[in-house]
Amino acid sequence: METFRGPVRGTITDVKPDHVLLQTDNSSFFLRTQQMIWVMPS
């Protein structure tokens, strides 16, 4: 996934209308959909 701040790798575990929950190794991140540029499935 590419954001305005740079690339982010992980698994999308939940999708809400305004954000997604991304799981990486031992951390979870909330990413706003407005900040996403593109998503590439693996």
PDB file of N, CA and C in Angstrom:
ATOM      1  N   MET A   1       0.856  -1.154   0.000  1.00  0.00           N
ATOM      2  CA  MET A   1       0.000   0.000   0.000  1.00  0.00           C
ATOM      3  C   MET A   1       0.908   1.224   0.000  1.00  0.00           C
ATOM      4  N   GLU A   2       0.558   2.198  -0.776  1.00  0.00           N
ATOM      5  CA  GLU A   2       1.315   3.450  -0.838  1.00  0.00           C
ATOM      6  C   GLU A   2       0.468   4.561  -0.222  1.00  0.00           C
ATOM      7  N   THR A   3       1.072   5.317   0.681  1.00  0.00           N
ATOM      8  CA  THR A   3       0.409   6.466   1.289  1.00  0.00           C
ATOM      9  C   THR A   3       1.220   7.715   0.971  1.00  0.00           C
ATOM     10  N   PHE A   4       0.720   8.864   1.387  1.00  0.00           N
ATOM     11  CA  PHE A   4       1.447  10.109   1.175  1.00  0.00           C
ATOM     12  C   PHE A   4       2.765  10.128   1.941  1.00  0.00           C
ATOM     13  N   ARG A   5       2.880   9.333   3.000  1.00  0.00           N
ATOM     14  CA  ARG A   5       4.102   9.287   3.809  1.00  0.00           C
ATOM     15  C   ARG A   5       5.068   8.200   3.363  1.00  0.00           C
ATOM     16  N   GLY A   6       4.651   7.332   2.450  1.00  0.00           N
ATOM     17  CA  GLY A   6       5.515   6.273   1.955  1.00  0.00           C
ATOM     18  C   GLY A   6       4.816   4.931   1.962  1.00  0.00           C
ATOM     19  N   PRO A   7       5.544   3.878   1.580  1.00  0.00           N
ATOM     20  CA  PRO A   7       4.930   2.549   1.497  1.00  0.00           C
ATOM     21  C   PRO A   7       4.683   1.923   2.872  1.00  0.00           C
ATOM     22  N   VAL A   8       3.630   1.120   2.930  1.00  0.00           N
ATOM     23  CA  VAL A   8       3.270   0.388   4.145  1.00  0.00           C
ATOM     24  C   VAL A   8       2.951  -1.034   3.725  1.00  0.00           C
ATOM     25  N   ARG A   9       3.491  -2.020   4.446  1.00  0.00           N
ATOM     26  CA  ARG A   9       3.217  -3.427   4.143  1.00  0.00           C
ATOM     27  C   ARG A   9       2.523  -4.080   5.318  1.00  0.00           C
ATOM     28  N   GLY A  10       1.567  -4.948   4.999  1.00  0.00           N
ATOM     29  CA  GLY A  10       0.846  -5.658   6.039  1.00  0.00           C
ATOM     30  C   GLY A  10      -0.403  -6.289   5.463  1.00  0.00           C
ATOM     31  N   THR A  11      -1.243  -6.771   6.352  1.00  0.00           N
ATOM     32  CA  THR A  11      -2.489  -7.426   5.980  1.00  0.00           C
ATOM     33  C   THR A  11      -3.657  -6.567   6.434  1.00  0.00           C
ATOM     34  N   ILE A  12      -4.560  -6.276   5.513  1.00  0.00           N
ATOM     35  CA  ILE A  12      -5.764  -5.525   5.876  1.00  0.00           C
ATOM     36  C   ILE A  12      -6.693  -6.482   6.617  1.00  0.00           C
ATOM     37  N   THR A  13      -6.982  -6.158   7.883  1.00  0.00           N
ATOM     38  CA  THR A  13      -7.791  -7.051   8.708  1.00  0.00           C
ATOM     39  C   THR A  13      -9.220  -6.563   8.893  1.00  0.00           C
ATOM     40  N   ASP A  14      -9.473  -5.262   8.669  1.00  0.00           N
ATOM     41  CA  ASP A  14     -10.823  -4.727   8.823  1.00  0.00           C
ATOM     42  C   ASP A  14     -10.956  -3.495   7.944  1.00  0.00           C
ATOM     43  N   VAL A  15     -12.140  -3.285   7.401  1.00  0.00           N
ATOM     44  CA  VAL A  15     -12.403  -2.126   6.539  1.00  0.00           C
ATOM     45  C   VAL A  15     -13.627  -1.396   7.066  1.00  0.00           C
ATOM     46  N   LYS A  16     -13.483  -0.118   7.282  1.00  0.00           N
ATOM     47  CA  LYS A  16     -14.574   0.758   7.714  1.00  0.00           C
ATOM     48  C   LYS A  16     -14.778   1.822   6.643  1.00  0.00           C
ATOM     49  N   PRO A  17     -15.854   2.602   6.701  1.00  0.00           N
ATOM     50  CA  PRO A  17     -16.094   3.606   5.659  1.00  0.00           C
ATOM     51  C   PRO A  17     -14.978   4.644   5.515  1.00  0.00           C
ATOM     52  N   ASP A  18     -14.284   4.991   6.611  1.00  0.00           N
ATOM     53  CA  ASP A  18     -13.276   6.049   6.537  1.00  0.00           C
ATOM     54  C   ASP A  18     -11.852   5.598   6.832  1.00  0.00           C
ATOM     55  N   HIS A  19     -11.643   4.321   7.199  1.00  0.00           N
ATOM     56  CA  HIS A  19     -10.295   3.832   7.480  1.00  0.00           C
ATOM     57  C   HIS A  19     -10.222   2.316   7.334  1.00  0.00           C
ATOM     58  N   VAL A  20      -9.002   1.798   7.280  1.00  0.00           N
ATOM     59  CA  VAL A  20      -8.777   0.354   7.296  1.00  0.00           C
ATOM     60  C   VAL A  20      -7.841   0.037   8.452  1.00  0.00           C
ATOM     61  N   LEU A  21      -7.926  -1.175   8.947  1.00  0.00           N
ATOM     62  CA  LEU A  21      -7.032  -1.654   9.988  1.00  0.00           C
ATOM     63  C   LEU A  21      -6.004  -2.550   9.321  1.00  0.00           C
ATOM     64  N   LEU A  22      -4.728  -2.189   9.462  1.00  0.00           N
ATOM     65  CA  LEU A  22      -3.635  -2.913   8.835  1.00  0.00           C
ATOM     66  C   LEU A  22      -2.798  -3.590   9.907  1.00  0.00           C
ATOM     67  N   GLN A  23      -2.591  -4.896   9.784  1.00  0.00           N
ATOM     68  CA  GLN A  23      -1.799  -5.679  10.736  1.00  0.00           C
ATOM     69  C   GLN A  23      -0.422  -5.935  10.137  1.00  0.00           C
ATOM     70  N   THR A  24       0.627  -5.493  10.832  1.00  0.00           N
ATOM     71  CA  THR A  24       1.996  -5.817  10.461  1.00  0.00           C
ATOM     72  C   THR A  24       2.554  -6.670  11.584  1.00  0.00           C
ATOM     73  N   ASP A  25       3.726  -7.208  11.430  1.00  0.00           N
ATOM     74  CA  ASP A  25       4.335  -8.155  12.385  1.00  0.00           C
ATOM     75  C   ASP A  25       3.656  -8.206  13.755  1.00  0.00           C
ATOM     76  N   ASN A  26       3.889  -7.224  14.617  1.00  0.00           N
ATOM     77  CA  ASN A  26       3.303  -7.228  15.962  1.00  0.00           C
ATOM     78  C   ASN A  26       2.487  -5.978  16.239  1.00  0.00           C
ATOM     79  N   SER A  27       2.185  -5.195  15.205  1.00  0.00           N
ATOM     80  CA  SER A  27       1.500  -3.922  15.400  1.00  0.00           C
ATOM     81  C   SER A  27       0.280  -3.815  14.505  1.00  0.00           C
ATOM     82  N   SER A  28      -0.662  -3.002  14.927  1.00  0.00           N
ATOM     83  CA  SER A  28      -1.845  -2.691  14.124  1.00  0.00           C
ATOM     84  C   SER A  28      -1.873  -1.195  13.871  1.00  0.00           C
ATOM     85  N   PHE A  29      -2.296  -0.810  12.669  1.00  0.00           N
ATOM     86  CA  PHE A  29      -2.364   0.593  12.307  1.00  0.00           C
ATOM     87  C   PHE A  29      -3.731   0.906  11.714  1.00  0.00           C
ATOM     88  N   PHE A  30      -4.239   2.079  12.038  1.00  0.00           N
ATOM     89  CA  PHE A  30      -5.439   2.591  11.396  1.00  0.00           C
ATOM     90  C   PHE A  30      -4.979   3.542  10.302  1.00  0.00           C
ATOM     91  N   LEU A  31      -5.361   3.264   9.062  1.00  0.00           N
ATOM     92  CA  LEU A  31      -5.001   4.121   7.944  1.00  0.00           C
ATOM     93  C   LEU A  31      -6.257   4.726   7.355  1.00  0.00           C
ATOM     94  N   ARG A  32      -6.286   6.042   7.263  1.00  0.00           N
ATOM     95  CA  ARG A  32      -7.430   6.724   6.665  1.00  0.00           C
ATOM     96  C   ARG A  32      -7.450   6.470   5.171  1.00  0.00           C
ATOM     97  N   THR A  33      -8.619   6.196   4.633  1.00  0.00           N
ATOM     98  CA  THR A  33      -8.723   5.914   3.202  1.00  0.00           C
ATOM     99  C   THR A  33      -8.342   7.135   2.368  1.00  0.00           C
ATOM    100  N   GLN A  34      -8.489   8.335   2.886  1.00  0.00           N
ATOM    101  CA  GLN A  34      -8.105   9.545   2.168  1.00  0.00           C
ATOM    102  C   GLN A  34      -6.594   9.628   1.961  1.00  0.00           C
ATOM    103  N   GLN A  35      -5.803   8.946   2.787  1.00  0.00           N
ATOM    104  CA  GLN A  35      -4.352   9.007   2.695  1.00  0.00           C
ATOM    105  C   GLN A  35      -3.773   7.931   1.781  1.00  0.00           C
ATOM    106  N   MET A  36      -4.604   6.984   1.336  1.00  0.00           N
ATOM    107  CA  MET A  36      -4.123   5.901   0.479  1.00  0.00           C
ATOM    108  C   MET A  36      -4.031   6.348  -0.965  1.00  0.00           C
ATOM    109  N   ILE A  37      -2.943   5.981  -1.613  1.00  0.00           N
ATOM    110  CA  ILE A  37      -2.767   6.291  -3.024  1.00  0.00           C
ATOM    111  C   ILE A  37      -3.118   5.058  -3.854  1.00  0.00           C
ATOM    112  N   TRP A  38      -2.581   3.898  -3.490  1.00  0.00           N
ATOM    113  CA  TRP A  38      -2.913   2.639  -4.179  1.00  0.00           C
ATOM    114  C   TRP A  38      -2.661   1.479  -3.242  1.00  0.00           C
ATOM    115  N   VAL A  39      -3.295   0.343  -3.569  1.00  0.00           N
ATOM    116  CA  VAL A  39      -3.152  -0.906  -2.816  1.00  0.00           C
ATOM    117  C   VAL A  39      -2.858  -2.012  -3.817  1.00  0.00           C
ATOM    118  N   MET A  40      -1.867  -2.854  -3.518  1.00  0.00           N
ATOM    119  CA  MET A  40      -1.532  -3.970  -4.377  1.00  0.00           C
ATOM    120  C   MET A  40      -1.682  -5.275  -3.600  1.00  0.00           C
ATOM    121  N   PRO A  41      -2.551  -6.183  -4.065  1.00  0.00           N
ATOM    122  CA  PRO A  41      -2.677  -7.474  -3.378  1.00  0.00           C
ATOM    123  C   PRO A  41      -1.420  -8.309  -3.581  1.00  0.00           C
ATOM    124  N   SER A  42      -1.110  -9.134  -2.611  1.00  0.00           N
ATOM    125  CA  SER A  42       0.083  -9.978  -2.738  1.00  0.00           C
ATOM    126  C   SER A  42      -0.264 -11.376  -3.168  1.00  0.00           C
TER     127      SER A  42
END
